[in-house]
């Protein structure tokens, strides 16, 4: 009876090992069809998920960076820096609604966190909410004491866009005030 159990156990172990190897082969094939795989050794030399995510963002690997930021959140907690990074990755992936919610959460954690303000401004600008975007850039610029050239450029670009939308002078209207009687006036357009 024990020999039958050993044989069954060996066969089951062999099948599980083969299934594992087949899974590895399928994963390798799927990765080849998706695109180039980064050499993770260049990113992982004992650094935290936030640093790894920043490097991946610089490399244009936004989806992988998002996963690294989630790992950083598990390691460090969801502080303003991690939430801002997650929001930025979502922004780069075109997920504007998610990015806005997460960046607002980052600002709930720390309302003086400059990158979250700047990136919220970028999201709001992309959504066409120019007034609120300008305010986010203004706050980021003020908190940063004007030190960041990219925030200054964002603010200037949005101001230029707003100047195109809003005319310099209000349109001239031709109205006249006509007295109707005892203290009653009527405004008439010509």
N, C-alpha and C. Protein backbone atom coordinates (compact mmCIF):
# COMPACT_ATOMS: atom_id res chain seq x y z
N UNK A 1 0.82 -1.19 0.00
CA UNK A 1 0.00 0.00 0.00
C UNK A 1 0.87 1.26 0.00
N UNK A 2 1.95 1.25 0.75
CA UNK A 2 2.81 2.42 0.80
C UNK A 2 3.52 2.64 -0.53
N UNK A 3 3.82 1.55 -1.24
CA UNK A 3 4.47 1.68 -2.55
C UNK A 3 3.53 2.37 -3.54
N UNK A 4 2.24 2.08 -3.46
CA UNK A 4 1.26 2.72 -4.35
C UNK A 4 1.20 4.21 -4.04
N UNK A 5 1.22 4.57 -2.76
CA UNK A 5 1.20 5.99 -2.38
C UNK A 5 2.45 6.72 -2.88
N UNK A 6 3.61 6.07 -2.77
CA UNK A 6 4.84 6.70 -3.23
C UNK A 6 4.80 6.92 -4.75
N UNK A 7 4.32 5.94 -5.45
CA UNK A 7 4.23 6.05 -6.90
C UNK A 7 3.26 7.16 -7.28
N UNK A 8 2.11 7.23 -6.62
CA UNK A 8 1.13 8.28 -6.88
C UNK A 8 1.72 9.65 -6.56
N UNK A 9 2.42 9.74 -5.44
CA UNK A 9 3.04 11.00 -5.05
C UNK A 9 4.09 11.44 -6.07
N UNK A 10 4.89 10.49 -6.56
CA UNK A 10 5.92 10.81 -7.56
C UNK A 10 5.27 11.29 -8.86
N UNK A 11 4.21 10.61 -9.27
CA UNK A 11 3.53 11.01 -10.51
C UNK A 11 2.91 12.40 -10.35
N UNK A 12 2.29 12.65 -9.21
CA UNK A 12 1.68 13.95 -8.97
C UNK A 12 2.75 15.04 -8.93
N UNK A 13 3.88 14.74 -8.28
CA UNK A 13 4.98 15.72 -8.23
C UNK A 13 5.52 16.00 -9.62
N UNK A 14 5.67 14.95 -10.42
CA UNK A 14 6.16 15.11 -11.79
C UNK A 14 5.19 15.95 -12.62
N UNK A 15 3.88 15.68 -12.48
CA UNK A 15 2.88 16.46 -13.21
C UNK A 15 2.88 17.93 -12.79
N UNK A 16 3.00 18.17 -11.48
CA UNK A 16 3.05 19.55 -11.00
C UNK A 16 4.30 20.26 -11.52
N UNK A 17 5.42 19.57 -11.53
CA UNK A 17 6.67 20.15 -12.04
C UNK A 17 6.55 20.48 -13.52
N UNK A 18 5.97 19.57 -14.29
CA UNK A 18 5.76 19.83 -15.71
C UNK A 18 4.81 21.00 -15.94
N UNK A 19 3.74 21.06 -15.15
CA UNK A 19 2.79 22.16 -15.28
C UNK A 19 3.49 23.49 -14.98
N UNK A 20 4.34 23.49 -13.97
CA UNK A 20 5.09 24.70 -13.63
C UNK A 20 5.99 25.11 -14.78
N UNK A 21 6.73 24.15 -15.35
CA UNK A 21 7.61 24.46 -16.47
C UNK A 21 6.83 24.94 -17.69
N UNK A 22 5.68 24.35 -17.94
CA UNK A 22 4.84 24.79 -19.06
C UNK A 22 4.37 26.23 -18.83
N UNK A 23 4.03 26.54 -17.60
CA UNK A 23 3.63 27.92 -17.27
C UNK A 23 4.76 28.90 -17.53
N UNK A 24 5.98 28.48 -17.22
CA UNK A 24 7.13 29.36 -17.47
C UNK A 24 7.34 29.58 -18.96
N UNK A 25 7.19 28.52 -19.74
CA UNK A 25 7.35 28.63 -21.18
C UNK A 25 6.27 29.53 -21.76
N UNK A 26 5.01 29.36 -21.32
CA UNK A 26 3.93 30.19 -21.85
C UNK A 26 4.16 31.66 -21.48
N UNK A 27 4.60 31.92 -20.27
CA UNK A 27 4.85 33.29 -19.85
C UNK A 27 5.95 33.91 -20.71
N UNK A 28 7.01 33.17 -20.96
CA UNK A 28 8.11 33.67 -21.78
C UNK A 28 7.61 34.00 -23.18
N UNK A 29 6.77 33.13 -23.75
CA UNK A 29 6.25 33.39 -25.08
C UNK A 29 5.35 34.63 -25.08
N UNK A 30 4.49 34.77 -24.07
CA UNK A 30 3.61 35.93 -24.01
C UNK A 30 4.41 37.22 -23.87
N UNK A 31 5.47 37.22 -23.08
CA UNK A 31 6.28 38.41 -22.92
C UNK A 31 6.94 38.80 -24.23
N UNK A 32 7.34 37.80 -25.03
CA UNK A 32 7.95 38.10 -26.31
C UNK A 32 6.98 38.81 -27.25
N UNK A 33 5.70 38.49 -27.16
CA UNK A 33 4.74 39.12 -28.07
C UNK A 33 4.32 40.50 -27.58
N UNK A 34 4.47 40.80 -26.30
CA UNK A 34 4.07 42.09 -25.76
C UNK A 34 5.08 43.17 -26.14
N UNK A 35 6.32 42.93 -25.97
CA UNK A 35 7.33 43.93 -26.25
C UNK A 35 8.60 43.60 -25.49
N UNK A 36 9.55 44.49 -25.52
CA UNK A 36 10.82 44.19 -24.85
C UNK A 36 10.65 44.11 -23.34
N UNK A 37 11.38 43.21 -22.74
CA UNK A 37 11.36 43.04 -21.30
C UNK A 37 12.59 43.73 -20.74
N UNK A 38 12.39 44.55 -19.73
CA UNK A 38 13.52 45.25 -19.13
C UNK A 38 14.35 44.31 -18.30
N UNK A 39 15.62 44.58 -18.26
CA UNK A 39 16.52 43.84 -17.38
C UNK A 39 16.32 44.39 -15.98
N UNK A 40 15.59 43.65 -15.15
CA UNK A 40 15.25 44.16 -13.82
C UNK A 40 16.46 44.25 -12.91
N UNK A 41 17.55 43.59 -13.24
CA UNK A 41 18.74 43.67 -12.40
C UNK A 41 19.26 45.10 -12.33
N UNK A 42 19.03 45.87 -13.38
CA UNK A 42 19.49 47.26 -13.38
C UNK A 42 18.67 48.13 -12.43
N UNK A 43 17.50 47.64 -12.03
CA UNK A 43 16.61 48.45 -11.21
C UNK A 43 16.54 48.01 -9.76
N UNK A 44 16.97 46.81 -9.44
CA UNK A 44 16.60 46.20 -8.16
C UNK A 44 17.72 46.09 -7.14
N UNK A 45 18.82 46.69 -7.25
CA UNK A 45 19.91 46.43 -6.33
C UNK A 45 19.62 46.94 -4.92
N UNK A 46 18.64 46.32 -4.26
CA UNK A 46 18.34 46.59 -2.87
C UNK A 46 17.56 47.87 -2.62
N UNK A 47 16.98 48.46 -3.64
CA UNK A 47 16.28 49.72 -3.46
C UNK A 47 14.79 49.49 -3.23
N UNK A 48 14.14 50.51 -2.68
CA UNK A 48 12.72 50.38 -2.38
C UNK A 48 11.87 50.49 -3.65
N UNK A 49 10.60 50.10 -3.53
CA UNK A 49 9.70 50.11 -4.66
C UNK A 49 9.47 51.48 -5.25
N UNK A 50 9.55 52.52 -4.43
CA UNK A 50 9.35 53.88 -4.92
C UNK A 50 10.48 54.29 -5.87
N UNK A 51 11.70 54.01 -5.49
CA UNK A 51 12.85 54.33 -6.34
C UNK A 51 12.81 53.52 -7.62
N UNK A 52 12.47 52.26 -7.50
CA UNK A 52 12.36 51.40 -8.68
C UNK A 52 11.27 51.93 -9.61
N UNK A 53 10.15 52.31 -9.03
CA UNK A 53 9.05 52.86 -9.83
C UNK A 53 9.46 54.13 -10.55
N UNK A 54 10.20 55.01 -9.88
CA UNK A 54 10.67 56.25 -10.51
C UNK A 54 11.57 55.95 -11.71
N UNK A 55 12.44 54.98 -11.55
CA UNK A 55 13.32 54.60 -12.66
C UNK A 55 12.52 54.01 -13.82
N UNK A 56 11.53 53.21 -13.50
CA UNK A 56 10.68 52.65 -14.55
C UNK A 56 9.89 53.74 -15.27
N UNK A 57 9.41 54.73 -14.53
CA UNK A 57 8.70 55.86 -15.16
C UNK A 57 9.64 56.58 -16.12
N UNK A 58 10.89 56.81 -15.69
CA UNK A 58 11.87 57.46 -16.57
C UNK A 58 12.12 56.65 -17.83
N UNK A 59 11.99 55.33 -17.70
CA UNK A 59 12.21 54.45 -18.85
C UNK A 59 10.95 54.30 -19.71
N UNK A 60 9.85 54.93 -19.29
CA UNK A 60 8.62 54.85 -20.07
C UNK A 60 7.81 53.59 -19.82
N UNK A 61 8.14 52.85 -18.79
CA UNK A 61 7.44 51.61 -18.45
C UNK A 61 6.42 51.90 -17.35
N UNK A 62 5.34 52.58 -17.72
CA UNK A 62 4.39 53.11 -16.74
C UNK A 62 3.60 52.02 -16.02
N UNK A 63 3.19 50.99 -16.73
CA UNK A 63 2.41 49.91 -16.11
C UNK A 63 3.26 49.17 -15.08
N UNK A 64 4.50 48.88 -15.42
CA UNK A 64 5.40 48.19 -14.49
C UNK A 64 5.74 49.12 -13.31
N UNK A 65 5.89 50.40 -13.60
CA UNK A 65 6.16 51.37 -12.54
C UNK A 65 5.00 51.41 -11.55
N UNK A 66 3.78 51.35 -12.08
CA UNK A 66 2.60 51.35 -11.22
C UNK A 66 2.64 50.17 -10.25
N UNK A 67 3.03 49.01 -10.74
CA UNK A 67 3.15 47.84 -9.87
C UNK A 67 4.24 48.04 -8.81
N UNK A 68 5.33 48.68 -9.20
CA UNK A 68 6.40 48.96 -8.23
C UNK A 68 5.89 49.94 -7.17
N UNK A 69 5.07 50.90 -7.57
CA UNK A 69 4.53 51.85 -6.60
C UNK A 69 3.55 51.17 -5.65
N UNK A 70 2.77 50.21 -6.17
CA UNK A 70 1.89 49.45 -5.28
C UNK A 70 2.73 48.67 -4.26
N UNK A 71 3.84 48.11 -4.72
CA UNK A 71 4.74 47.41 -3.80
C UNK A 71 5.29 48.38 -2.76
N UNK A 72 5.65 49.58 -3.20
CA UNK A 72 6.13 50.60 -2.26
C UNK A 72 5.05 50.94 -1.24
N UNK A 73 3.80 51.00 -1.69
CA UNK A 73 2.70 51.28 -0.77
C UNK A 73 2.56 50.19 0.28
N UNK A 74 2.78 48.93 -0.14
CA UNK A 74 2.71 47.83 0.82
C UNK A 74 3.89 47.88 1.79
N UNK A 75 5.06 48.31 1.29
CA UNK A 75 6.25 48.37 2.13
C UNK A 75 6.24 49.58 3.06
N UNK A 76 5.89 50.76 2.53
CA UNK A 76 6.05 52.02 3.24
C UNK A 76 4.75 52.60 3.78
N UNK A 77 3.64 52.09 3.30
CA UNK A 77 2.36 52.69 3.62
C UNK A 77 1.99 53.68 2.52
N UNK A 78 0.72 54.03 2.47
CA UNK A 78 0.24 54.93 1.43
C UNK A 78 0.38 56.38 1.88
N UNK A 79 1.62 56.87 1.87
CA UNK A 79 1.88 58.26 2.22
C UNK A 79 1.70 59.13 0.98
N UNK A 80 1.88 60.43 1.13
CA UNK A 80 1.67 61.36 0.02
C UNK A 80 2.60 61.07 -1.15
N UNK A 81 3.84 60.69 -0.86
CA UNK A 81 4.82 60.42 -1.92
C UNK A 81 4.39 59.22 -2.75
N UNK A 82 4.00 58.15 -2.09
CA UNK A 82 3.58 56.93 -2.81
C UNK A 82 2.28 57.18 -3.58
N UNK A 83 1.31 57.83 -2.94
CA UNK A 83 0.05 58.12 -3.62
C UNK A 83 0.27 59.03 -4.83
N UNK A 84 1.13 60.02 -4.69
CA UNK A 84 1.43 60.91 -5.81
C UNK A 84 2.07 60.13 -6.96
N UNK A 85 2.95 59.22 -6.63
CA UNK A 85 3.60 58.40 -7.66
C UNK A 85 2.58 57.51 -8.38
N UNK A 86 1.68 56.91 -7.61
CA UNK A 86 0.63 56.07 -8.22
C UNK A 86 -0.25 56.92 -9.12
N UNK A 87 -0.60 58.12 -8.66
CA UNK A 87 -1.40 59.02 -9.48
C UNK A 87 -0.68 59.42 -10.75
N UNK A 88 0.61 59.67 -10.66
CA UNK A 88 1.40 60.05 -11.84
C UNK A 88 1.47 58.92 -12.86
N UNK A 89 1.63 57.69 -12.38
CA UNK A 89 1.64 56.55 -13.30
C UNK A 89 0.29 56.41 -14.00
N UNK A 90 -0.78 56.59 -13.25
CA UNK A 90 -2.11 56.53 -13.87
C UNK A 90 -2.30 57.65 -14.88
N UNK A 91 -1.75 58.82 -14.59
CA UNK A 91 -1.80 59.93 -15.53
C UNK A 91 -1.09 59.55 -16.83
N UNK A 92 0.09 59.00 -16.73
CA UNK A 92 0.85 58.60 -17.91
C UNK A 92 0.14 57.50 -18.70
N UNK A 93 -0.66 56.70 -18.01
CA UNK A 93 -1.41 55.63 -18.68
C UNK A 93 -2.74 56.14 -19.24
N UNK A 94 -3.01 57.44 -19.06
CA UNK A 94 -4.23 58.03 -19.60
C UNK A 94 -5.46 57.80 -18.75
N UNK A 95 -5.29 57.35 -17.55
CA UNK A 95 -6.40 57.09 -16.63
C UNK A 95 -6.64 58.34 -15.78
N UNK A 96 -7.23 59.35 -16.39
CA UNK A 96 -7.33 60.66 -15.76
C UNK A 96 -8.20 60.65 -14.51
N UNK A 97 -9.32 59.95 -14.54
CA UNK A 97 -10.19 59.90 -13.37
C UNK A 97 -9.50 59.27 -12.17
N UNK A 98 -8.84 58.14 -12.41
CA UNK A 98 -8.11 57.48 -11.32
C UNK A 98 -6.98 58.37 -10.83
N UNK A 99 -6.26 58.97 -11.76
CA UNK A 99 -5.14 59.83 -11.38
C UNK A 99 -5.62 60.98 -10.51
N UNK A 100 -6.72 61.61 -10.90
CA UNK A 100 -7.24 62.74 -10.11
C UNK A 100 -7.62 62.30 -8.70
N UNK A 101 -8.35 61.19 -8.58
CA UNK A 101 -8.76 60.71 -7.25
C UNK A 101 -7.55 60.42 -6.37
N UNK A 102 -6.55 59.76 -6.93
CA UNK A 102 -5.40 59.36 -6.13
C UNK A 102 -4.55 60.58 -5.77
N UNK A 103 -4.40 61.53 -6.69
CA UNK A 103 -3.64 62.74 -6.37
C UNK A 103 -4.34 63.57 -5.31
N UNK A 104 -5.66 63.60 -5.34
CA UNK A 104 -6.40 64.31 -4.28
C UNK A 104 -6.21 63.60 -2.93
N UNK A 105 -6.14 62.26 -2.95
CA UNK A 105 -5.86 61.53 -1.71
C UNK A 105 -4.47 61.87 -1.20
N UNK A 106 -3.51 62.00 -2.12
CA UNK A 106 -2.14 62.37 -1.71
C UNK A 106 -2.16 63.73 -1.03
N UNK A 107 -2.96 64.66 -1.57
CA UNK A 107 -3.04 65.99 -0.97
C UNK A 107 -3.80 65.97 0.35
N UNK A 108 -4.70 65.02 0.52
CA UNK A 108 -5.34 64.85 1.82
C UNK A 108 -4.30 64.42 2.87
N UNK A 109 -3.34 63.62 2.43
CA UNK A 109 -2.27 63.16 3.33
C UNK A 109 -1.30 64.30 3.66
N UNK A 110 -0.96 65.10 2.64
CA UNK A 110 0.00 66.20 2.83
C UNK A 110 -0.33 67.29 1.82
N UNK A 111 -1.00 68.33 2.28
CA UNK A 111 -1.46 69.38 1.36
C UNK A 111 -0.34 70.34 0.95
N UNK A 112 0.89 70.04 1.32
CA UNK A 112 2.04 70.85 0.91
C UNK A 112 2.97 70.05 0.00
N UNK A 113 2.50 68.93 -0.52
CA UNK A 113 3.34 68.07 -1.35
C UNK A 113 3.30 68.57 -2.79
N UNK A 114 4.35 69.24 -3.20
CA UNK A 114 4.41 69.95 -4.48
C UNK A 114 4.16 69.05 -5.69
N UNK A 115 4.79 67.86 -5.81
CA UNK A 115 4.55 67.05 -7.00
C UNK A 115 3.07 66.68 -7.18
N UNK A 116 2.36 66.45 -6.08
CA UNK A 116 0.94 66.10 -6.19
C UNK A 116 0.14 67.28 -6.73
N UNK A 117 0.45 68.49 -6.27
CA UNK A 117 -0.24 69.69 -6.77
C UNK A 117 0.03 69.87 -8.27
N UNK A 118 1.30 69.75 -8.66
CA UNK A 118 1.66 69.93 -10.06
C UNK A 118 0.95 68.89 -10.94
N UNK A 119 1.03 67.64 -10.53
CA UNK A 119 0.43 66.57 -11.35
C UNK A 119 -1.09 66.66 -11.36
N UNK A 120 -1.69 67.13 -10.28
CA UNK A 120 -3.13 67.37 -10.28
C UNK A 120 -3.46 68.45 -11.31
N UNK A 121 -2.62 69.48 -11.38
CA UNK A 121 -2.81 70.52 -12.39
C UNK A 121 -2.74 69.95 -13.81
N UNK A 122 -1.82 69.03 -14.04
CA UNK A 122 -1.69 68.40 -15.36
C UNK A 122 -2.96 67.61 -15.69
N UNK A 123 -3.46 66.85 -14.71
CA UNK A 123 -4.68 66.07 -14.91
C UNK A 123 -5.86 66.98 -15.23
N UNK A 124 -6.03 68.02 -14.43
CA UNK A 124 -7.17 68.93 -14.62
C UNK A 124 -7.07 69.65 -15.96
N UNK A 125 -5.87 70.02 -16.36
CA UNK A 125 -5.66 70.64 -17.66
C UNK A 125 -6.07 69.68 -18.77
N UNK A 126 -5.67 68.41 -18.66
CA UNK A 126 -6.02 67.41 -19.66
C UNK A 126 -7.53 67.18 -19.73
N UNK A 127 -8.20 67.36 -18.60
CA UNK A 127 -9.66 67.20 -18.56
C UNK A 127 -10.40 68.46 -19.00
N UNK A 128 -9.66 69.54 -19.29
CA UNK A 128 -10.29 70.77 -19.73
C UNK A 128 -10.79 71.65 -18.60
N UNK A 129 -10.41 71.36 -17.39
CA UNK A 129 -10.81 72.15 -16.22
C UNK A 129 -9.71 73.16 -15.93
N UNK A 130 -9.63 74.18 -16.80
CA UNK A 130 -8.49 75.09 -16.82
C UNK A 130 -8.39 75.96 -15.57
N UNK A 131 -9.50 76.45 -15.07
CA UNK A 131 -9.45 77.30 -13.88
C UNK A 131 -8.89 76.57 -12.67
N UNK A 132 -9.39 75.37 -12.45
CA UNK A 132 -8.90 74.58 -11.32
C UNK A 132 -7.46 74.11 -11.55
N UNK A 133 -7.12 73.82 -12.81
CA UNK A 133 -5.74 73.44 -13.14
C UNK A 133 -4.79 74.59 -12.84
N UNK A 134 -5.20 75.81 -13.20
CA UNK A 134 -4.35 76.97 -12.93
C UNK A 134 -4.13 77.15 -11.44
N UNK A 135 -5.18 76.94 -10.67
CA UNK A 135 -5.05 77.08 -9.21
C UNK A 135 -4.10 76.02 -8.65
N UNK A 136 -4.17 74.79 -9.17
CA UNK A 136 -3.26 73.73 -8.71
C UNK A 136 -1.82 74.09 -9.05
N UNK A 137 -1.59 74.59 -10.26
CA UNK A 137 -0.23 75.01 -10.64
C UNK A 137 0.24 76.19 -9.78
N UNK A 138 -0.67 77.13 -9.50
CA UNK A 138 -0.32 78.29 -8.69
C UNK A 138 0.11 77.87 -7.29
N UNK A 139 -0.64 76.93 -6.70
CA UNK A 139 -0.30 76.43 -5.36
C UNK A 139 1.04 75.71 -5.39
N UNK A 140 1.25 74.86 -6.41
CA UNK A 140 2.53 74.14 -6.53
C UNK A 140 3.68 75.13 -6.66
N UNK A 141 3.49 76.14 -7.48
CA UNK A 141 4.53 77.16 -7.70
C UNK A 141 4.84 77.91 -6.40
N UNK A 142 3.79 78.27 -5.67
CA UNK A 142 3.98 78.99 -4.41
C UNK A 142 4.67 78.13 -3.36
N UNK A 143 4.24 76.88 -3.23
CA UNK A 143 4.86 75.98 -2.24
C UNK A 143 6.32 75.70 -2.57
N UNK A 144 6.63 75.71 -3.86
CA UNK A 144 7.99 75.42 -4.33
C UNK A 144 8.85 76.69 -4.37
N UNK A 145 8.26 77.83 -3.98
CA UNK A 145 8.95 79.12 -4.02
C UNK A 145 9.49 79.45 -5.41
N UNK A 146 8.80 78.96 -6.45
CA UNK A 146 9.21 79.26 -7.81
C UNK A 146 10.50 78.59 -8.24
N UNK A 147 10.96 77.59 -7.51
CA UNK A 147 12.25 76.96 -7.80
C UNK A 147 12.20 75.99 -8.97
N UNK A 148 11.05 75.39 -9.24
CA UNK A 148 10.96 74.38 -10.28
C UNK A 148 10.60 75.00 -11.62
N UNK A 149 11.48 74.82 -12.58
CA UNK A 149 11.25 75.37 -13.92
C UNK A 149 10.05 74.70 -14.59
N UNK A 150 9.85 73.39 -14.34
CA UNK A 150 8.73 72.69 -14.99
C UNK A 150 7.39 73.21 -14.49
N UNK A 151 7.29 73.53 -13.21
CA UNK A 151 6.03 74.08 -12.69
C UNK A 151 5.80 75.48 -13.28
N UNK A 152 6.85 76.27 -13.38
CA UNK A 152 6.75 77.60 -13.98
C UNK A 152 6.26 77.48 -15.43
N UNK A 153 6.82 76.53 -16.17
CA UNK A 153 6.42 76.33 -17.57
C UNK A 153 4.96 75.87 -17.67
N UNK A 154 4.54 74.99 -16.76
CA UNK A 154 3.14 74.55 -16.76
C UNK A 154 2.20 75.74 -16.53
N UNK A 155 2.55 76.56 -15.57
CA UNK A 155 1.73 77.73 -15.24
C UNK A 155 1.69 78.71 -16.41
N UNK A 156 2.84 78.97 -17.02
CA UNK A 156 2.89 79.89 -18.15
C UNK A 156 2.12 79.35 -19.35
N UNK A 157 2.26 78.06 -19.62
CA UNK A 157 1.54 77.46 -20.76
C UNK A 157 0.03 77.55 -20.55
N UNK A 158 -0.41 77.30 -19.33
CA UNK A 158 -1.85 77.37 -19.06
C UNK A 158 -2.34 78.82 -19.13
N UNK A 159 -1.55 79.76 -18.63
CA UNK A 159 -1.92 81.17 -18.73
C UNK A 159 -2.05 81.59 -20.20
N UNK A 160 -1.13 81.13 -21.04
CA UNK A 160 -1.20 81.44 -22.47
C UNK A 160 -2.46 80.85 -23.10
N UNK A 161 -2.79 79.63 -22.68
CA UNK A 161 -4.00 78.99 -23.19
C UNK A 161 -5.24 79.77 -22.75
N UNK A 162 -5.26 80.21 -21.51
CA UNK A 162 -6.39 80.96 -20.99
C UNK A 162 -6.53 82.32 -21.68
N UNK A 163 -5.41 82.95 -22.04
CA UNK A 163 -5.47 84.23 -22.75
C UNK A 163 -6.11 84.07 -24.12
N UNK A 164 -5.91 82.92 -24.75
CA UNK A 164 -6.52 82.66 -26.05
C UNK A 164 -8.03 82.48 -25.91
N UNK A 165 -8.45 81.91 -24.80
CA UNK A 165 -9.86 81.63 -24.58
C UNK A 165 -10.63 82.86 -24.14
N UNK A 166 -10.04 83.65 -23.23
CA UNK A 166 -10.71 84.82 -22.67
C UNK A 166 -10.30 86.06 -23.45
N UNK A 167 -11.25 86.79 -24.00
CA UNK A 167 -10.88 88.01 -24.72
C UNK A 167 -10.33 89.07 -23.77
N UNK A 168 -9.47 89.96 -24.31
CA UNK A 168 -8.85 91.01 -23.50
C UNK A 168 -9.87 92.03 -23.00
N UNK A 169 -10.78 92.45 -23.87
CA UNK A 169 -11.77 93.46 -23.48
C UNK A 169 -13.17 92.88 -23.65
N UNK A 170 -14.07 93.24 -22.76
CA UNK A 170 -15.44 92.75 -22.91
C UNK A 170 -16.06 93.35 -24.17
N UNK A 171 -16.96 92.65 -24.80
CA UNK A 171 -17.61 93.19 -26.00
C UNK A 171 -18.40 94.44 -25.64
N UNK A 172 -18.37 95.38 -26.54
CA UNK A 172 -19.08 96.62 -26.29
C UNK A 172 -20.57 96.42 -26.52
N UNK A 173 -21.34 96.86 -25.56
CA UNK A 173 -22.79 96.79 -25.65
C UNK A 173 -23.33 98.20 -25.71
N UNK A 174 -24.35 98.39 -26.49
CA UNK A 174 -24.94 99.72 -26.62
C UNK A 174 -26.29 99.70 -25.92
N UNK A 175 -26.29 100.17 -24.70
CA UNK A 175 -27.52 100.24 -23.91
C UNK A 175 -27.79 101.69 -23.54
N UNK A 176 -29.06 101.99 -23.30
CA UNK A 176 -29.39 103.31 -22.78
C UNK A 176 -30.43 103.16 -21.68
N UNK A 177 -30.37 104.06 -20.78
CA UNK A 177 -31.26 104.07 -19.63
C UNK A 177 -32.38 105.10 -19.91
N UNK A 178 -33.62 104.62 -19.85
CA UNK A 178 -34.77 105.48 -20.14
C UNK A 178 -35.60 105.60 -18.88
N UNK A 179 -35.90 106.87 -18.52
CA UNK A 179 -36.71 107.11 -17.33
C UNK A 179 -38.17 106.88 -17.68
N UNK A 180 -38.85 106.07 -16.87
CA UNK A 180 -40.25 105.71 -17.10
C UNK A 180 -41.21 106.57 -16.27
N UNK A 181 -40.74 107.11 -15.27
CA UNK A 181 -41.63 107.88 -14.40
C UNK A 181 -40.97 108.12 -13.07
N UNK A 182 -41.72 108.06 -12.03
CA UNK A 182 -41.31 108.39 -10.68
C UNK A 182 -40.28 107.38 -10.16
N UNK A 183 -38.98 107.58 -10.44
CA UNK A 183 -37.90 106.73 -9.94
C UNK A 183 -37.82 105.38 -10.63
N UNK A 184 -38.50 105.15 -11.73
CA UNK A 184 -38.47 103.87 -12.45
C UNK A 184 -37.70 104.09 -13.74
N UNK A 185 -36.71 103.24 -13.98
CA UNK A 185 -35.89 103.33 -15.18
C UNK A 185 -35.97 102.01 -15.93
N UNK A 186 -35.77 102.08 -17.23
CA UNK A 186 -35.79 100.90 -18.09
C UNK A 186 -34.50 100.89 -18.89
N UNK A 187 -33.85 99.75 -18.95
CA UNK A 187 -32.60 99.61 -19.70
C UNK A 187 -32.96 99.06 -21.06
N UNK A 188 -32.63 99.79 -22.13
CA UNK A 188 -32.97 99.38 -23.49
C UNK A 188 -31.68 99.20 -24.29
N UNK A 189 -31.66 98.15 -25.10
CA UNK A 189 -30.53 97.92 -25.99
C UNK A 189 -30.81 98.57 -27.35
N UNK A 190 -29.76 99.07 -27.99
CA UNK A 190 -29.95 99.68 -29.31
C UNK A 190 -29.77 98.68 -30.40
